[in-house]
């Protein structure tokens, strides 16, 4: 459980109104690293959010701490969410909802097959997640969700956990980061690099830095379709977050979104979500060898590729990388197999024997 809650220290009226589930292990480490690129040594700060939770780490835990806190407060029976079959968000939600005594339901759609999908599905089986194949027309999807949840005390969490309430977790994260910078007695980074999928992480970080009047520019490295991850959608999410927080605490600054600093980086997504690029493969190798850090091709390697590109320019700016990948071992179900009755049959394609 978090021992430091910088947001409620700064805005105490929010604490009672925004219950938390006690999932977050914070503060997560912030470390200086030295990285050699092209024969030159560069200093890089890394926020190790891979260790944000004891059961499952990464950036999802900060959002779920607030989202599942509300679910507990409302005595929710079922927690439902959405994603692709390999979704880290869907798995983290299912694991933590189950730990808290709620029934997890994940509506999952197909994606390009990548190496981690089998392990993710096996972890769902071990967790006894109710997995529902999600697809079809909007009307068909709506009817499917309604039929699964009707008559039950259910809470729906959007894909990626990127609602206004999930975003609050990263406002606090930005304040935690700044407190650690001060304790390290190092200069505040000019740029912070983070993967941009459903925008909740970048929106919260940018709002948190603005709340603290910190001169940090969030570099949002797009890893998903621009139809979902784009400046206008991010602006709307920030506006809604500020509006909802002001309902609870009118002292929360109304113009915070106008002061948020985000630079959208669209040059690293390659052929699309989950699909590796030469730069992401190189980033995985460099992070492993130079930092002892494990990344993956969908999110973190593409964000780190932007870091490597900018470090190579050697402009002397202080840079930081926010690692959003989970570092905890997944629960294992050795009986998860092709055609497992706990899985939709057309998910068989993701198993090695398929």
Protein backbone atom coordinates (compact mmCIF):
# COMPACT_ATOMS: atom_id res chain seq x y z
CA UNK A 1 0.00 0.00 0.00
CA UNK A 2 1.15 3.53 -0.74
CA UNK A 3 2.93 5.19 2.16
CA UNK A 4 3.16 8.55 0.43
CA UNK A 5 0.16 10.17 -1.23
CA UNK A 6 1.42 13.46 -2.58
CA UNK A 7 -1.89 14.45 -4.15
CA UNK A 8 -3.90 14.29 -0.94
CA UNK A 9 -1.09 16.04 0.94
CA UNK A 10 -1.51 18.87 -1.55
CA UNK A 11 -5.30 18.64 -1.96
CA UNK A 12 -6.55 17.05 1.31
CA UNK A 13 -10.26 17.39 0.46
CA UNK A 14 -9.83 14.73 -2.22
CA UNK A 15 -8.74 11.99 0.19
CA UNK A 16 -12.11 11.11 1.70
CA UNK A 17 -13.97 11.44 -1.60
CA UNK A 18 -11.63 9.21 -3.60
CA UNK A 19 -11.25 5.88 -1.78
CA UNK A 20 -8.32 3.67 -2.77
CA UNK A 21 -7.97 -0.09 -2.79
CA UNK A 22 -4.51 -0.24 -1.21
CA UNK A 23 -2.91 -1.95 -4.21
CA UNK A 24 -0.09 0.48 -4.89
CA UNK A 25 3.44 -0.11 -3.58
CA UNK A 26 4.79 3.43 -3.63
CA UNK A 27 6.95 5.28 -4.08
CA UNK A 28 8.36 3.14 -6.86
CA UNK A 29 12.15 3.50 -7.34
CA UNK A 30 13.64 6.41 -9.27
CA UNK A 31 17.23 5.71 -10.24
CA UNK A 32 20.05 7.36 -12.12
CA UNK A 33 21.49 5.20 -14.88
CA UNK A 34 24.50 5.63 -17.13
CA UNK A 35 24.03 4.48 -20.70
CA UNK A 36 26.72 4.37 -23.40
CA UNK A 37 25.53 5.20 -26.91
CA UNK A 38 27.90 5.70 -29.82
CA UNK A 39 30.89 5.66 -27.52
CA UNK A 40 29.51 8.43 -25.32
CA UNK A 41 28.14 8.08 -21.80
CA UNK A 42 24.71 9.57 -21.10
CA UNK A 43 22.86 10.01 -17.84
CA UNK A 44 19.25 8.88 -17.74
CA UNK A 45 16.69 8.83 -14.94
CA UNK A 46 14.38 5.80 -14.91
CA UNK A 47 11.14 5.61 -12.95
CA UNK A 48 10.78 1.92 -12.17
CA UNK A 49 7.01 1.60 -12.15
CA UNK A 50 7.40 -2.05 -13.10
CA UNK A 51 7.39 -2.59 -9.32
CA UNK A 52 4.20 -0.68 -8.53
CA UNK A 53 2.34 -3.70 -7.13
CA UNK A 54 3.13 -6.96 -5.37
CA UNK A 55 0.76 -9.03 -7.52
CA UNK A 56 1.23 -7.22 -10.83
CA UNK A 57 3.25 -4.11 -11.63
CA UNK A 58 3.33 -1.46 -14.33
CA UNK A 59 1.26 1.63 -14.86
CA UNK A 60 -2.13 -0.08 -14.53
CA UNK A 61 -1.85 -0.39 -10.76
CA UNK A 62 -1.96 3.37 -10.14
CA UNK A 63 -5.23 3.64 -12.05
CA UNK A 64 -6.72 0.51 -10.50
CA UNK A 65 -5.94 1.72 -6.99
CA UNK A 66 -8.59 4.42 -7.48
CA UNK A 67 -10.93 2.50 -9.79
CA UNK A 68 -11.13 -0.62 -7.63
CA UNK A 69 -11.25 1.56 -4.52
CA UNK A 70 -14.52 2.95 -5.86
CA UNK A 71 -15.71 -0.57 -6.74
CA UNK A 72 -15.13 -1.70 -3.15
CA UNK A 73 -16.85 1.40 -1.80
CA UNK A 74 -19.91 0.55 -3.92
CA UNK A 75 -19.86 -3.13 -2.88
CA UNK A 76 -19.40 -4.22 -6.47
CA UNK A 77 -19.81 -7.92 -7.28
CA UNK A 78 -18.43 -7.94 -10.83
CA UNK A 79 -15.65 -5.83 -12.35
CA UNK A 80 -15.72 -5.84 -16.15
CA UNK A 81 -13.26 -4.36 -18.59
CA UNK A 82 -12.15 -4.53 -22.21
CA UNK A 83 -9.02 -5.07 -24.27
CA UNK A 84 -7.20 -7.24 -26.76
CA UNK A 85 -6.39 -10.83 -25.79
CA UNK A 86 -2.91 -9.84 -24.64
CA UNK A 87 -4.02 -6.71 -22.79
CA UNK A 88 -1.91 -5.94 -19.71
CA UNK A 89 -4.71 -3.74 -18.44
CA UNK A 90 -7.32 -6.50 -18.70
CA UNK A 91 -5.05 -8.98 -16.91
CA UNK A 92 -4.09 -6.54 -14.15
CA UNK A 93 -7.74 -5.64 -13.61
CA UNK A 94 -8.74 -9.31 -13.43
CA UNK A 95 -5.94 -10.23 -11.01
CA UNK A 96 -6.59 -7.38 -8.60
CA UNK A 97 -10.39 -7.61 -8.80
CA UNK A 98 -10.11 -11.31 -7.93
CA UNK A 99 -7.73 -10.59 -5.06
CA UNK A 100 -10.24 -8.11 -3.63
CA UNK A 101 -13.07 -10.67 -3.76
CA UNK A 102 -14.84 -9.44 -6.89
CA UNK A 103 -15.57 -11.51 -10.00
CA UNK A 104 -13.51 -10.35 -13.01
CA UNK A 105 -15.07 -10.37 -16.48
CA UNK A 106 -12.89 -9.46 -19.46
CA UNK A 107 -14.36 -8.75 -22.89
CA UNK A 108 -11.42 -9.48 -25.19
CA UNK A 109 -10.94 -9.06 -28.93
CA UNK A 110 -8.39 -10.45 -31.34
CA UNK A 111 -4.96 -8.91 -31.97
CA UNK A 112 -1.78 -9.74 -33.84
CA UNK A 113 -0.29 -12.81 -32.20
CA UNK A 114 2.80 -11.97 -30.14
CA UNK A 115 4.84 -14.10 -27.77
CA UNK A 116 3.26 -13.00 -24.49
CA UNK A 117 -0.39 -13.66 -25.41
CA UNK A 118 -0.34 -17.35 -24.49
CA UNK A 119 1.10 -16.56 -21.05
CA UNK A 120 -1.49 -13.82 -20.54
CA UNK A 121 -4.39 -16.13 -21.38
CA UNK A 122 -2.93 -18.85 -19.15
CA UNK A 123 -2.77 -16.34 -16.29
CA UNK A 124 -6.45 -15.51 -16.85
CA UNK A 125 -7.27 -19.22 -16.60
CA UNK A 126 -5.29 -19.52 -13.35
CA UNK A 127 -7.15 -16.48 -12.03
CA UNK A 128 -10.55 -17.91 -13.04
CA UNK A 129 -11.30 -14.83 -15.09
CA UNK A 130 -14.56 -14.95 -17.01
CA UNK A 131 -13.36 -14.32 -20.58
CA UNK A 132 -15.87 -13.28 -23.24
CA UNK A 133 -15.00 -13.02 -26.93
CA UNK A 134 -15.75 -9.41 -27.89
CA UNK A 135 -16.49 -8.29 -31.42
CA UNK A 136 -19.18 -7.54 -33.97
CA UNK A 137 -21.17 -4.38 -34.57
CA UNK A 138 -21.58 -1.74 -31.86
CA UNK A 139 -25.10 -2.98 -31.27
CA UNK A 140 -23.95 -6.58 -30.94
CA UNK A 141 -21.22 -5.57 -28.49
CA UNK A 142 -23.69 -3.57 -26.40
CA UNK A 143 -26.14 -6.47 -26.21
CA UNK A 144 -23.34 -8.86 -25.27
CA UNK A 145 -22.18 -6.68 -22.38
CA UNK A 146 -25.75 -6.17 -21.19
CA UNK A 147 -26.49 -9.89 -21.26
CA UNK A 148 -23.35 -10.69 -19.23
CA UNK A 149 -23.87 -8.04 -16.56
CA UNK A 150 -27.63 -7.62 -16.30
CA UNK A 151 -29.01 -8.02 -12.80
CA UNK A 152 -25.60 -8.00 -11.15
CA UNK A 153 -23.92 -5.27 -9.11
CA UNK A 154 -21.28 -4.52 -11.74
CA UNK A 155 -18.71 -1.82 -12.43
CA UNK A 156 -17.33 -1.30 -15.93
CA UNK A 157 -13.77 -0.04 -16.27
CA UNK A 158 -12.87 1.37 -19.70
CA UNK A 159 -10.03 -0.02 -21.80
CA UNK A 160 -6.69 0.95 -20.30
CA UNK A 161 -8.38 2.23 -17.15
CA UNK A 162 -8.26 5.67 -18.74
CA UNK A 163 -11.23 7.39 -17.17
CA UNK A 164 -10.98 10.61 -15.20
CA UNK A 165 -10.70 8.57 -11.99
CA UNK A 166 -7.90 6.38 -13.34
CA UNK A 167 -6.09 9.50 -14.53
CA UNK A 168 -5.98 10.80 -10.95
CA UNK A 169 -3.53 8.02 -10.12
CA UNK A 170 -0.96 9.63 -12.39
CA UNK A 171 -1.49 13.13 -11.08
CA UNK A 172 -0.30 11.70 -7.79
CA UNK A 173 2.47 9.81 -9.63
CA UNK A 174 3.85 13.04 -11.08
CA UNK A 175 3.96 14.60 -7.61
CA UNK A 176 5.66 11.47 -6.26
CA UNK A 177 8.26 11.73 -9.04
CA UNK A 178 9.00 15.38 -8.23
CA UNK A 179 9.39 14.61 -4.52
CA UNK A 180 11.93 11.93 -5.43
CA UNK A 181 13.82 14.34 -7.70
CA UNK A 182 14.13 16.73 -4.79
CA UNK A 183 15.35 13.96 -2.49
CA UNK A 184 17.95 12.87 -5.06
CA UNK A 185 19.24 16.43 -5.19
CA UNK A 186 19.35 16.31 -8.97
CA UNK A 187 17.97 18.71 -11.53
CA UNK A 188 14.43 18.19 -12.71
CA UNK A 189 14.30 16.45 -16.12
CA UNK A 190 13.40 18.59 -19.08
CA UNK A 191 11.64 15.69 -20.80
CA UNK A 192 9.88 12.58 -19.51
CA UNK A 193 9.20 9.76 -21.99
CA UNK A 194 6.25 7.40 -21.61
CA UNK A 195 4.22 5.10 -23.86
CA UNK A 196 0.89 6.56 -25.00
CA UNK A 197 -1.88 4.01 -25.48
CA UNK A 198 -5.18 5.11 -23.95
CA UNK A 199 -3.86 8.48 -22.74
CA UNK A 200 -4.65 8.21 -19.02
CA UNK A 201 -1.00 7.95 -18.00
CA UNK A 202 0.21 10.91 -20.02
CA UNK A 203 -2.81 13.05 -19.13
CA UNK A 204 -2.31 12.45 -15.42
CA UNK A 205 1.43 13.06 -15.51
CA UNK A 206 1.03 16.30 -17.45
CA UNK A 207 -1.66 17.54 -15.06
CA UNK A 208 0.46 16.61 -12.05
CA UNK A 209 3.47 18.51 -13.33
CA UNK A 210 1.26 21.50 -14.08
CA UNK A 211 -0.23 21.34 -10.57
CA UNK A 212 3.31 21.57 -9.16
CA UNK A 213 4.40 24.25 -11.65
CA UNK A 214 7.21 21.92 -12.74
CA UNK A 215 8.92 22.61 -16.05
CA UNK A 216 8.66 19.05 -17.37
CA UNK A 217 7.49 18.19 -20.87
CA UNK A 218 5.80 14.79 -21.20
CA UNK A 219 6.86 13.04 -24.40
CA UNK A 220 3.90 10.83 -25.27
CA UNK A 221 5.19 8.10 -27.58
CA UNK A 222 2.17 6.78 -29.46
CA UNK A 223 1.87 2.98 -29.58
CA UNK A 224 -1.78 2.67 -30.69
CA UNK A 225 -3.99 3.99 -33.46
CA UNK A 226 -4.17 7.77 -33.75
CA UNK A 227 -7.95 7.36 -33.79
CA UNK A 228 -7.71 6.64 -30.06
CA UNK A 229 -4.44 8.25 -28.94
CA UNK A 230 -4.42 11.83 -30.17
CA UNK A 231 -4.08 15.38 -28.81
CA UNK A 232 -7.79 16.23 -28.95
CA UNK A 233 -8.85 13.11 -27.05
CA UNK A 234 -6.12 13.78 -24.48
CA UNK A 235 -7.32 17.35 -24.05
CA UNK A 236 -10.88 16.15 -23.43
CA UNK A 237 -9.70 13.60 -20.87
CA UNK A 238 -7.71 16.26 -19.01
CA UNK A 239 -10.65 18.65 -19.05
CA UNK A 240 -13.01 16.02 -17.65
CA UNK A 241 -10.50 15.05 -14.96
CA UNK A 242 -10.12 18.66 -13.81
CA UNK A 243 -13.88 19.20 -13.91
CA UNK A 244 -14.59 16.13 -11.78
CA UNK A 245 -11.88 16.95 -9.26
CA UNK A 246 -13.20 20.48 -8.87
CA UNK A 247 -16.62 19.06 -7.97
CA UNK A 248 -14.97 17.46 -4.97
CA UNK A 249 -12.45 20.17 -4.19
CA UNK A 250 -13.24 23.62 -5.67
CA UNK A 251 -9.70 24.77 -4.86
CA UNK A 252 -8.36 22.44 -7.56
CA UNK A 253 -7.10 24.76 -10.35
CA UNK A 254 -9.65 25.18 -13.14
CA UNK A 255 -7.07 26.02 -15.82
CA UNK A 256 -4.68 23.17 -15.09
CA UNK A 257 -5.19 21.52 -18.48
CA UNK A 258 -4.15 24.70 -20.26
CA UNK A 259 -0.79 24.58 -18.48
CA UNK A 260 -0.11 20.90 -19.14
CA UNK A 261 2.89 20.29 -21.40
CA UNK A 262 2.72 17.29 -23.72
CA UNK A 263 4.66 16.59 -26.89
CA UNK A 264 3.10 13.87 -29.02
CA UNK A 265 5.63 11.57 -30.68
CA UNK A 266 4.08 9.60 -33.55
CA UNK A 267 7.20 8.33 -35.29
CA UNK A 268 7.71 5.07 -33.37
CA UNK A 269 4.47 3.12 -33.74
CA UNK A 270 5.56 1.37 -36.95
CA UNK A 271 2.91 -0.88 -38.51
CA UNK A 272 0.65 -0.56 -35.50
CA UNK A 273 -0.27 -1.81 -32.07
CA UNK A 274 1.68 -4.92 -30.88
CA UNK A 275 3.82 -4.94 -34.03
CA UNK A 276 7.56 -4.64 -33.36
CA UNK A 277 9.86 -2.30 -35.27
CA UNK A 278 13.62 -2.44 -35.82
CA UNK A 279 13.94 0.45 -33.38
CA UNK A 280 11.86 -1.31 -30.69
CA UNK A 281 13.92 -4.49 -31.02
CA UNK A 282 17.10 -2.46 -30.62
CA UNK A 283 15.60 -0.65 -27.64
CA UNK A 284 14.88 -3.97 -25.91
CA UNK A 285 18.48 -5.07 -26.40
CA UNK A 286 19.96 -1.76 -25.22
CA UNK A 287 17.73 -1.61 -22.14
CA UNK A 288 18.54 -5.20 -21.19
CA UNK A 289 22.30 -4.88 -21.69
CA UNK A 290 22.79 -1.29 -20.57
CA UNK A 291 20.20 -0.92 -17.80
CA UNK A 292 19.26 -4.46 -16.77
CA UNK A 293 15.71 -3.51 -17.70
CA UNK A 294 13.21 -5.78 -19.45
CA UNK A 295 10.93 -4.10 -21.99
CA UNK A 296 8.36 -5.39 -24.51
CA UNK A 297 7.56 -4.49 -28.11
CA UNK A 298 4.01 -3.20 -27.68
CA UNK A 299 4.54 -0.25 -25.32
CA UNK A 300 7.78 0.29 -23.50
CA UNK A 301 10.28 -0.57 -26.23
CA UNK A 302 8.71 1.97 -28.58
CA UNK A 303 8.83 4.65 -25.86
CA UNK A 304 12.44 3.79 -25.08
CA UNK A 305 13.30 3.97 -28.79
CA UNK A 306 12.36 7.66 -28.63
CA UNK A 307 14.67 8.07 -25.63
CA UNK A 308 17.57 6.48 -27.54
CA UNK A 309 16.98 8.68 -30.57
CA UNK A 310 17.04 11.84 -28.47
CA UNK A 311 20.03 10.77 -26.37
CA UNK A 312 21.99 10.21 -29.59
CA UNK A 313 21.45 13.87 -30.45
CA UNK A 314 23.45 14.74 -27.32
CA UNK A 315 21.81 18.12 -26.69
CA UNK A 316 22.64 17.94 -22.98
CA UNK A 317 19.02 17.90 -21.81
CA UNK A 318 18.15 15.92 -18.70
CA UNK A 319 15.88 13.03 -19.77
CA UNK A 320 13.77 10.52 -17.84
CA UNK A 321 12.01 7.32 -18.88
CA UNK A 322 8.89 6.00 -17.16
CA UNK A 323 8.81 2.21 -17.33
CA UNK A 324 5.18 1.10 -17.49
CA UNK A 325 5.87 -2.64 -17.94
CA UNK A 326 5.05 -5.26 -15.30
CA UNK A 327 8.04 -7.02 -13.68
CA UNK A 328 6.14 -9.46 -11.47
CA UNK A 329 5.81 -13.14 -12.40
CA UNK A 330 2.42 -14.10 -13.78
CA UNK A 331 0.29 -16.73 -12.06
CA UNK A 332 0.79 -20.04 -13.81
CA UNK A 333 -1.88 -22.46 -14.95
CA UNK A 334 -0.05 -25.43 -16.39
CA UNK A 335 -3.35 -26.91 -17.57
CA UNK A 336 -4.15 -23.95 -19.84
CA UNK A 337 -4.07 -25.46 -23.28
CA UNK A 338 -5.42 -25.35 -26.79
CA UNK A 339 -9.18 -25.68 -26.60
CA UNK A 340 -9.39 -25.06 -22.85
CA UNK A 341 -13.08 -24.75 -21.98
CA UNK A 342 -12.36 -21.62 -19.92
CA UNK A 343 -11.33 -19.83 -23.10
CA UNK A 344 -13.32 -18.86 -26.19
CA UNK A 345 -12.59 -21.50 -28.83
CA UNK A 346 -11.39 -19.04 -31.45
CA UNK A 347 -8.59 -17.95 -29.08
CA UNK A 348 -6.89 -21.26 -29.90
CA UNK A 349 -4.78 -19.44 -32.49
CA UNK A 350 -2.69 -17.88 -29.72
CA UNK A 351 -1.47 -21.20 -28.35
CA UNK A 352 1.86 -22.62 -29.53
CA UNK A 353 0.30 -25.84 -30.81
CA UNK A 354 -2.29 -24.01 -32.90
